[in-house]
N, C-alpha and C. Protein backbone atom coordinates (compact mmCIF):
# COMPACT_ATOMS: atom_id res chain seq x y z
N MET A 1 8.43 16.23 0.93
CA MET A 1 8.41 15.55 -0.40
C MET A 1 7.38 15.31 -0.93
N THR A 2 7.17 15.72 -1.80
CA THR A 2 5.96 15.84 -2.72
C THR A 2 5.50 14.75 -3.02
N GLU A 3 4.04 14.13 -3.26
CA GLU A 3 4.02 12.83 -3.88
C GLU A 3 3.22 12.95 -5.25
N THR A 4 3.83 12.55 -5.98
CA THR A 4 3.26 12.50 -7.56
C THR A 4 1.94 11.78 -7.42
N PHE A 5 0.69 12.44 -8.22
CA PHE A 5 -0.39 10.96 -8.30
C PHE A 5 0.01 10.04 -9.35
N GLU A 6 -0.45 8.80 -9.35
CA GLU A 6 -0.32 8.12 -10.31
C GLU A 6 -1.72 6.99 -10.38
N PRO A 7 -2.31 7.59 -11.27
CA PRO A 7 -3.66 6.85 -11.14
C PRO A 7 -3.87 5.28 -11.24
N GLN A 8 -4.70 4.97 -10.97
CA GLN A 8 -5.23 3.75 -11.12
C GLN A 8 -6.05 3.31 -11.77
N ILE A 9 -5.82 2.35 -13.13
CA ILE A 9 -6.97 2.55 -14.44
C ILE A 9 -7.03 0.91 -14.26
N LEU A 10 -8.35 0.84 -14.66
CA LEU A 10 -8.69 -0.64 -15.27
C LEU A 10 -9.19 -0.91 -16.34
N ALA A 11 -8.46 -1.89 -16.96
CA ALA A 11 -8.90 -2.07 -18.67
C ALA A 11 -9.76 -3.26 -18.28
N TYR A 12 -10.61 -2.90 -19.31
CA TYR A 12 -11.60 -4.46 -19.42
C TYR A 12 -11.09 -4.69 -21.13
N CYS A 13 -10.54 -5.85 -21.20
CA CYS A 13 -9.96 -6.34 -22.60
C CYS A 13 -10.51 -7.42 -23.19
N CYS A 14 -11.38 -7.13 -24.45
CA CYS A 14 -11.86 -8.46 -25.29
C CYS A 14 -10.90 -9.79 -25.39
N LYS A 15 -10.82 -10.57 -24.91
CA LYS A 15 -9.77 -11.85 -25.09
C LYS A 15 -9.27 -11.94 -26.91
N PHE A 16 -9.92 -11.17 -27.89
CA PHE A 16 -9.67 -11.93 -29.13
C PHE A 16 -8.99 -10.98 -29.80
N CYS A 17 -9.34 -9.21 -29.28
CA CYS A 17 -8.30 -8.49 -29.98
C CYS A 17 -7.45 -7.71 -28.70
N ALA A 18 -8.15 -6.82 -27.76
CA ALA A 18 -6.91 -5.83 -27.15
C ALA A 18 -6.88 -6.68 -26.02
N TYR A 19 -6.97 -7.95 -25.76
CA TYR A 19 -6.01 -8.56 -24.64
C TYR A 19 -4.67 -9.05 -25.31
N ALA A 20 -5.26 -9.42 -26.82
CA ALA A 20 -4.13 -10.09 -27.67
C ALA A 20 -3.23 -8.89 -28.28
N ALA A 21 -3.75 -7.68 -28.05
CA ALA A 21 -3.08 -6.50 -28.45
C ALA A 21 -1.75 -6.40 -27.23
N ALA A 22 -2.34 -6.27 -26.02
CA ALA A 22 -1.77 -6.34 -25.00
C ALA A 22 -0.46 -7.11 -24.77
N ASP A 23 -0.89 -8.48 -25.18
CA ASP A 23 0.23 -9.30 -25.38
C ASP A 23 1.29 -9.27 -26.54
N LEU A 24 0.44 -8.54 -27.29
CA LEU A 24 1.77 -8.22 -28.51
C LEU A 24 2.61 -7.27 -28.35
N ALA A 25 2.00 -6.49 -27.41
CA ALA A 25 2.93 -4.92 -26.89
C ALA A 25 3.72 -5.54 -26.15
N GLY A 26 3.28 -6.45 -25.18
CA GLY A 26 4.50 -6.93 -24.22
C GLY A 26 5.21 -7.70 -25.08
N SER A 27 5.27 -8.45 -26.03
CA SER A 27 6.13 -9.42 -26.53
C SER A 27 6.78 -8.21 -27.79
N MET A 28 6.82 -7.47 -27.82
CA MET A 28 7.22 -6.20 -28.48
C MET A 28 8.16 -5.64 -27.97
N ARG A 29 8.07 -5.83 -26.52
CA ARG A 29 8.67 -5.28 -25.42
C ARG A 29 8.65 -3.33 -25.55
N LEU A 30 7.19 -3.04 -25.91
CA LEU A 30 7.13 -1.62 -25.38
C LEU A 30 6.57 -1.64 -24.04
N SER A 31 6.83 -0.33 -23.66
CA SER A 31 6.63 0.22 -22.51
C SER A 31 5.25 0.97 -22.63
N TYR A 32 4.43 0.57 -21.65
CA TYR A 32 3.37 1.31 -21.11
C TYR A 32 3.37 1.33 -19.80
N PRO A 33 2.24 2.44 -19.14
CA PRO A 33 2.34 2.25 -17.83
C PRO A 33 1.84 1.53 -17.12
N GLY A 34 2.43 1.27 -15.64
CA GLY A 34 2.31 0.17 -15.06
C GLY A 34 1.20 -0.06 -14.09
N ASN A 35 0.49 0.96 -14.22
CA ASN A 35 -0.59 1.34 -13.60
C ASN A 35 -1.88 0.98 -13.87
N ILE A 36 -1.74 0.28 -15.60
CA ILE A 36 -3.07 -0.17 -16.24
C ILE A 36 -3.37 -1.53 -15.81
N LYS A 37 -4.29 -2.12 -15.19
CA LYS A 37 -4.72 -3.02 -14.34
C LYS A 37 -5.80 -3.79 -15.94
N VAL A 38 -4.81 -4.99 -16.30
CA VAL A 38 -5.96 -5.24 -17.42
C VAL A 38 -6.65 -6.79 -16.97
N ILE A 39 -8.47 -6.92 -17.39
CA ILE A 39 -8.89 -7.83 -16.98
C ILE A 39 -9.64 -8.34 -18.41
N GLN A 40 -9.00 -9.65 -18.39
CA GLN A 40 -9.58 -10.05 -19.98
C GLN A 40 -10.46 -10.98 -19.65
N ILE A 41 -11.79 -10.16 -20.19
CA ILE A 41 -12.94 -11.06 -20.64
C ILE A 41 -13.11 -11.77 -21.94
N PRO A 42 -14.17 -12.25 -22.22
CA PRO A 42 -14.56 -12.97 -23.24
C PRO A 42 -14.69 -11.94 -24.64
N CYS A 43 -15.52 -11.13 -23.77
CA CYS A 43 -16.26 -10.19 -25.23
C CYS A 43 -16.51 -8.99 -24.54
N THR A 44 -16.43 -7.84 -24.82
CA THR A 44 -16.54 -6.29 -24.27
C THR A 44 -17.96 -6.44 -24.10
N GLY A 45 -18.99 -7.00 -24.66
CA GLY A 45 -20.45 -7.16 -24.81
C GLY A 45 -20.75 -7.85 -23.23
N ARG A 46 -20.20 -8.39 -22.89
CA ARG A 46 -19.96 -8.96 -21.48
C ARG A 46 -20.07 -7.97 -20.15
N VAL A 47 -19.24 -6.87 -20.45
CA VAL A 47 -19.15 -5.68 -19.57
C VAL A 47 -20.45 -4.87 -19.12
N ASP A 48 -20.96 -4.69 -18.39
CA ASP A 48 -22.10 -3.80 -17.54
C ASP A 48 -22.03 -2.92 -17.18
N ALA A 49 -23.03 -1.72 -17.28
CA ALA A 49 -22.50 -0.50 -16.53
C ALA A 49 -21.87 -0.44 -15.28
N ILE A 50 -22.52 -1.48 -14.63
CA ILE A 50 -22.47 -1.81 -13.53
C ILE A 50 -20.64 -1.81 -12.78
N HIS A 51 -20.59 -3.09 -13.73
CA HIS A 51 -19.17 -3.45 -13.44
C HIS A 51 -18.17 -2.00 -13.63
N LEU A 52 -18.39 -1.12 -14.72
CA LEU A 52 -17.64 0.12 -14.49
C LEU A 52 -17.87 1.35 -13.57
N MET A 53 -19.31 1.42 -13.27
CA MET A 53 -19.35 1.97 -11.89
C MET A 53 -18.69 1.68 -10.23
N LYS A 54 -19.16 0.18 -10.78
CA LYS A 54 -18.41 -0.55 -9.21
C LYS A 54 -16.74 0.05 -8.96
N ALA A 55 -15.90 -0.13 -10.88
CA ALA A 55 -14.97 -0.13 -10.51
C ALA A 55 -14.37 1.04 -9.67
N LEU A 56 -15.27 2.09 -10.27
CA LEU A 56 -14.62 3.61 -9.72
C LEU A 56 -15.20 3.83 -8.31
N GLU A 57 -15.89 3.19 -8.14
CA GLU A 57 -16.58 3.43 -6.58
C GLU A 57 -15.60 2.57 -5.87
N ASP A 58 -14.78 1.59 -6.33
CA ASP A 58 -13.68 0.97 -5.49
C ASP A 58 -12.47 1.19 -5.40
N GLY A 59 -12.58 2.46 -6.03
CA GLY A 59 -11.22 3.40 -5.97
C GLY A 59 -10.15 3.48 -7.75
N ALA A 60 -10.71 3.30 -8.39
CA ALA A 60 -10.15 3.32 -10.04
C ALA A 60 -10.44 4.81 -9.88
N ASP A 61 -9.19 5.42 -10.79
CA ASP A 61 -9.07 6.87 -11.04
C ASP A 61 -9.97 6.46 -12.30
N GLY A 62 -9.94 5.76 -13.22
CA GLY A 62 -10.56 5.86 -14.76
C GLY A 62 -10.32 4.48 -15.08
N VAL A 63 -10.99 3.83 -16.25
CA VAL A 63 -12.07 2.92 -16.55
C VAL A 63 -11.85 2.75 -18.03
N TYR A 64 -11.22 1.77 -18.63
CA TYR A 64 -11.58 1.68 -20.28
C TYR A 64 -12.00 -0.25 -20.57
N VAL A 65 -12.89 0.47 -21.66
CA VAL A 65 -13.26 -1.15 -22.39
C VAL A 65 -12.38 -0.84 -23.83
N ALA A 66 -11.85 -1.83 -23.86
CA ALA A 66 -11.24 -2.05 -25.17
C ALA A 66 -11.47 -3.43 -25.55
N GLY A 67 -11.89 -3.38 -27.17
CA GLY A 67 -12.66 -4.24 -27.77
C GLY A 67 -12.09 -4.65 -29.26
N CYS A 68 -12.42 -5.74 -29.80
CA CYS A 68 -12.63 -5.43 -31.56
C CYS A 68 -12.71 -4.28 -32.13
N LEU A 69 -12.32 -4.75 -33.19
CA LEU A 69 -13.22 -3.33 -34.15
C LEU A 69 -14.23 -3.17 -34.41
N GLU A 70 -14.93 -2.00 -34.96
CA GLU A 70 -16.40 -2.41 -34.94
C GLU A 70 -16.77 -2.79 -36.25
N GLY A 71 -17.60 -3.64 -36.06
CA GLY A 71 -18.10 -4.85 -37.36
C GLY A 71 -17.20 -6.12 -37.47
N GLU A 72 -16.25 -6.21 -36.68
CA GLU A 72 -15.16 -6.79 -36.43
C GLU A 72 -15.42 -7.90 -35.23
N CYS A 73 -16.39 -8.05 -34.49
CA CYS A 73 -16.63 -8.33 -33.00
C CYS A 73 -16.73 -10.04 -33.06
N HIS A 74 -16.16 -11.01 -32.77
CA HIS A 74 -16.38 -12.10 -32.55
C HIS A 74 -17.37 -12.71 -32.32
N PHE A 75 -18.23 -12.18 -31.41
CA PHE A 75 -19.48 -12.44 -31.01
C PHE A 75 -20.59 -11.68 -32.07
N LEU A 76 -20.48 -10.72 -32.60
CA LEU A 76 -21.09 -10.34 -33.83
C LEU A 76 -21.49 -8.40 -32.95
N THR A 77 -22.20 -8.45 -32.41
CA THR A 77 -22.31 -7.07 -31.53
C THR A 77 -21.86 -6.66 -30.86
N GLY A 78 -21.10 -7.57 -29.63
CA GLY A 78 -20.63 -7.32 -28.50
C GLY A 78 -20.17 -6.05 -28.19
N ASN A 79 -19.15 -5.83 -29.21
CA ASN A 79 -18.55 -4.43 -28.94
C ASN A 79 -19.31 -3.18 -29.25
N LEU A 80 -20.41 -3.40 -29.77
CA LEU A 80 -21.32 -2.28 -29.81
C LEU A 80 -22.66 -2.27 -29.00
N ARG A 81 -22.70 -3.27 -28.01
CA ARG A 81 -23.11 -3.18 -27.19
C ARG A 81 -21.85 -2.80 -25.88
N ALA A 82 -21.54 -2.68 -26.28
CA ALA A 82 -20.18 -2.24 -25.00
C ALA A 82 -20.51 -0.98 -24.77
N LYS A 83 -20.30 -0.42 -26.26
CA LYS A 83 -19.94 1.16 -26.48
C LYS A 83 -21.16 1.79 -25.80
N LYS A 84 -22.44 1.30 -26.32
CA LYS A 84 -23.46 1.79 -25.81
C LYS A 84 -23.54 2.19 -24.08
N ARG A 85 -23.27 0.85 -23.46
CA ARG A 85 -23.17 0.81 -22.08
C ARG A 85 -22.23 1.67 -21.50
N VAL A 86 -21.17 1.80 -22.14
CA VAL A 86 -19.89 2.93 -21.58
C VAL A 86 -20.44 4.28 -22.15
N ASN A 87 -21.02 4.97 -22.48
CA ASN A 87 -21.47 6.16 -23.16
C ASN A 87 -23.17 6.39 -22.36
N TYR A 88 -23.48 5.51 -21.74
CA TYR A 88 -24.50 5.27 -20.63
C TYR A 88 -23.95 5.96 -19.25
N VAL A 89 -22.77 5.21 -19.01
CA VAL A 89 -21.97 5.40 -17.77
C VAL A 89 -21.58 6.75 -17.89
N LYS A 90 -21.09 7.09 -18.71
CA LYS A 90 -20.17 8.80 -18.91
C LYS A 90 -21.53 9.30 -19.17
N ASP A 91 -22.44 9.12 -19.40
CA ASP A 91 -23.48 10.25 -19.02
C ASP A 91 -24.07 9.78 -17.36
N ILE A 92 -24.62 8.97 -16.96
CA ILE A 92 -24.38 9.04 -15.09
C ILE A 92 -23.78 9.55 -14.83
N ILE A 93 -22.43 9.25 -14.98
CA ILE A 93 -21.07 9.82 -14.11
C ILE A 93 -21.28 11.45 -13.95
N SER A 94 -21.51 12.31 -15.29
CA SER A 94 -21.64 13.30 -15.51
C SER A 94 -22.50 13.74 -14.59
N LYS A 95 -23.78 13.30 -14.59
CA LYS A 95 -25.03 13.63 -13.65
C LYS A 95 -24.93 13.98 -11.82
N ILE A 96 -23.65 12.69 -11.66
CA ILE A 96 -23.49 13.07 -10.47
C ILE A 96 -22.34 13.94 -10.00
N GLY A 97 -21.69 14.58 -11.02
CA GLY A 97 -20.71 15.65 -11.35
C GLY A 97 -18.75 14.89 -11.06
N LEU A 98 -19.19 13.60 -11.74
CA LEU A 98 -17.87 13.19 -12.14
C LEU A 98 -17.64 13.23 -13.20
N GLU A 99 -16.29 13.56 -14.14
CA GLU A 99 -15.90 13.51 -15.10
C GLU A 99 -16.10 12.42 -15.89
N PRO A 100 -16.86 12.53 -17.17
CA PRO A 100 -17.06 11.54 -17.81
C PRO A 100 -15.72 10.95 -18.61
N GLU A 101 -14.96 11.73 -18.81
CA GLU A 101 -13.65 11.61 -19.20
C GLU A 101 -12.87 10.18 -18.87
N ARG A 102 -13.15 10.24 -17.62
CA ARG A 102 -12.70 9.01 -16.39
C ARG A 102 -12.93 7.38 -17.48
N VAL A 103 -14.06 7.12 -18.29
CA VAL A 103 -14.30 6.41 -18.57
C VAL A 103 -14.60 6.35 -20.22
N GLU A 104 -13.98 5.24 -21.09
CA GLU A 104 -13.65 5.32 -22.09
C GLU A 104 -13.93 3.88 -22.61
N MET A 105 -13.86 3.91 -24.15
CA MET A 105 -14.03 2.46 -25.14
C MET A 105 -13.07 3.04 -26.26
N PHE A 106 -12.49 2.06 -26.56
CA PHE A 106 -11.59 2.16 -27.63
C PHE A 106 -11.65 0.36 -28.61
N ASN A 107 -11.35 0.94 -29.94
CA ASN A 107 -11.43 -0.68 -30.43
C ASN A 107 -10.33 -1.10 -31.37
N LEU A 108 -9.95 -1.93 -31.07
CA LEU A 108 -8.33 -2.77 -31.82
C LEU A 108 -8.36 -3.63 -32.50
N SER A 109 -7.70 -4.44 -33.29
CA SER A 109 -7.27 -5.72 -33.34
C SER A 109 -6.25 -6.18 -32.61
N SER A 110 -6.28 -7.37 -32.90
CA SER A 110 -5.09 -8.25 -31.83
C SER A 110 -3.67 -7.84 -32.45
N ALA A 111 -3.67 -7.15 -33.91
CA ALA A 111 -2.21 -6.85 -34.11
C ALA A 111 -1.90 -4.92 -34.24
N MET A 112 -2.45 -4.51 -33.27
CA MET A 112 -2.75 -3.53 -32.55
C MET A 112 -1.46 -3.01 -31.34
N GLY A 113 -0.63 -4.03 -31.32
CA GLY A 113 -0.10 -3.76 -29.85
C GLY A 113 0.58 -2.53 -29.91
N PRO A 114 1.39 -2.04 -30.40
CA PRO A 114 1.51 -0.29 -30.40
C PRO A 114 0.14 0.42 -30.00
N ARG A 115 -0.76 0.38 -30.56
CA ARG A 115 -1.90 1.08 -30.56
C ARG A 115 -2.30 0.63 -28.67
N PHE A 116 -2.36 -0.40 -28.37
CA PHE A 116 -2.59 -0.62 -26.85
C PHE A 116 -1.64 0.11 -25.85
N ALA A 117 -0.60 0.51 -26.58
CA ALA A 117 0.16 1.14 -25.39
C ALA A 117 0.28 2.38 -25.70
N GLU A 118 0.02 3.32 -26.65
CA GLU A 118 -0.44 4.14 -26.97
C GLU A 118 -2.27 4.82 -26.08
N ILE A 119 -2.85 3.47 -26.11
CA ILE A 119 -4.22 3.84 -25.44
C ILE A 119 -3.92 3.90 -24.15
N ALA A 120 -3.09 3.08 -23.43
CA ALA A 120 -2.79 3.32 -22.22
C ALA A 120 -2.19 4.03 -21.54
N ALA A 121 -0.67 4.61 -22.04
CA ALA A 121 -0.35 6.46 -22.31
C ALA A 121 -1.41 7.47 -22.27
N GLU A 122 -2.30 7.17 -23.41
CA GLU A 122 -3.72 8.56 -23.42
C GLU A 122 -4.14 8.44 -22.37
N MET A 123 -4.50 7.61 -21.93
CA MET A 123 -5.41 7.36 -20.61
C MET A 123 -5.01 7.43 -19.52
N THR A 124 -3.95 7.33 -19.09
CA THR A 124 -2.83 7.49 -17.69
C THR A 124 -2.43 9.16 -18.05
N GLU A 125 -2.51 9.86 -18.88
CA GLU A 125 -1.94 11.10 -19.16
C GLU A 125 -3.32 11.89 -19.01
N ARG A 126 -4.66 11.20 -19.24
CA ARG A 126 -5.87 12.02 -19.22
C ARG A 126 -6.41 12.06 -17.60
N VAL A 127 -6.34 11.16 -17.38
CA VAL A 127 -6.45 10.78 -15.65
C VAL A 127 -5.72 11.57 -14.67
N LYS A 128 -4.34 12.08 -15.12
CA LYS A 128 -3.69 12.40 -14.21
C LYS A 128 -4.20 13.66 -14.12
N LYS A 129 -4.50 14.04 -15.84
CA LYS A 129 -4.76 15.98 -16.01
C LYS A 129 -6.30 15.92 -14.81
N LEU A 130 -6.60 14.84 -14.64
CA LEU A 130 -8.43 15.09 -13.90
C LEU A 130 -7.70 15.00 -12.63
N GLY A 131 -6.67 14.28 -12.32
CA GLY A 131 -6.55 14.06 -10.87
C GLY A 131 -7.06 13.00 -10.05
N PRO A 132 -6.72 13.07 -8.79
CA PRO A 132 -7.45 11.46 -8.27
C PRO A 132 -8.88 11.40 -8.03
N SER A 133 -9.72 10.29 -8.54
CA SER A 133 -11.22 10.06 -8.21
C SER A 133 -11.76 10.99 -6.87
N PRO A 134 -12.35 11.89 -7.17
CA PRO A 134 -13.01 11.97 -5.74
C PRO A 134 -13.55 10.79 -4.86
N VAL A 135 -14.70 10.07 -5.63
CA VAL A 135 -15.36 8.55 -5.31
C VAL A 135 -14.58 7.59 -4.66
N GLY A 136 -13.01 7.32 -5.07
CA GLY A 136 -12.24 6.97 -4.31
C GLY A 136 -11.53 7.60 -3.26
N MET A 137 -11.23 9.08 -2.89
CA MET A 137 -10.95 9.59 -1.92
C MET A 137 -11.72 9.61 -0.67
N LYS A 138 -13.00 9.41 -1.03
CA LYS A 138 -14.37 9.53 -0.25
C LYS A 138 -13.85 8.20 0.83
N ARG A 139 -13.96 6.93 -0.16
CA ARG A 139 -13.61 5.53 0.58
C ARG A 139 -12.32 5.79 1.35
N GLN A 140 -11.35 6.09 0.43
CA GLN A 140 -10.36 6.23 1.70
C GLN A 140 -10.31 6.85 2.98
N ILE A 141 -11.41 8.18 3.25
CA ILE A 141 -11.28 8.82 4.26
C ILE A 141 -12.14 8.04 5.26
N ARG A 142 -13.28 6.94 4.52
CA ARG A 142 -14.42 6.78 5.29
C ARG A 142 -13.54 5.61 6.04
N ALA A 143 -12.57 4.51 5.05
CA ALA A 143 -11.65 3.69 5.58
C ALA A 143 -11.13 3.94 6.62
N ALA A 144 -10.59 5.05 6.93
CA ALA A 144 -9.26 6.12 7.70
C ALA A 144 -10.26 5.89 9.20
N LEU A 145 -11.26 5.96 9.15
CA LEU A 145 -12.02 6.71 10.07
C LEU A 145 -12.69 5.54 11.31
């Protein structure tokens, strides 16, 4: 019997936009992969590079940050700071040999429930193509020893 890889993906979602879009997707009964673990945060500007890298270290196969549309952040520039941090993390992980596609930033409004579901499916397919994170696999091997 072959096991199919089901990636574990962490989504840091802005309370005002992305999390509200996730809630709308649920209210609309839109289906999206169940492997997405949503973490509500007050603003994507609160997500630091260490949070993204720690999620990967702890076994997440992919991580994304979803915030307000650019120019419409409730905290003015939080999503712009988050975008810079996401790009910084992508640069760091590519330098250590991990695929930068495992980390991404998305912008959406609270009325974009269908787009939230699309993003979840898009990230799941992207990470499935990349395969399990080698960082998470190393952690599992160490735990087994």
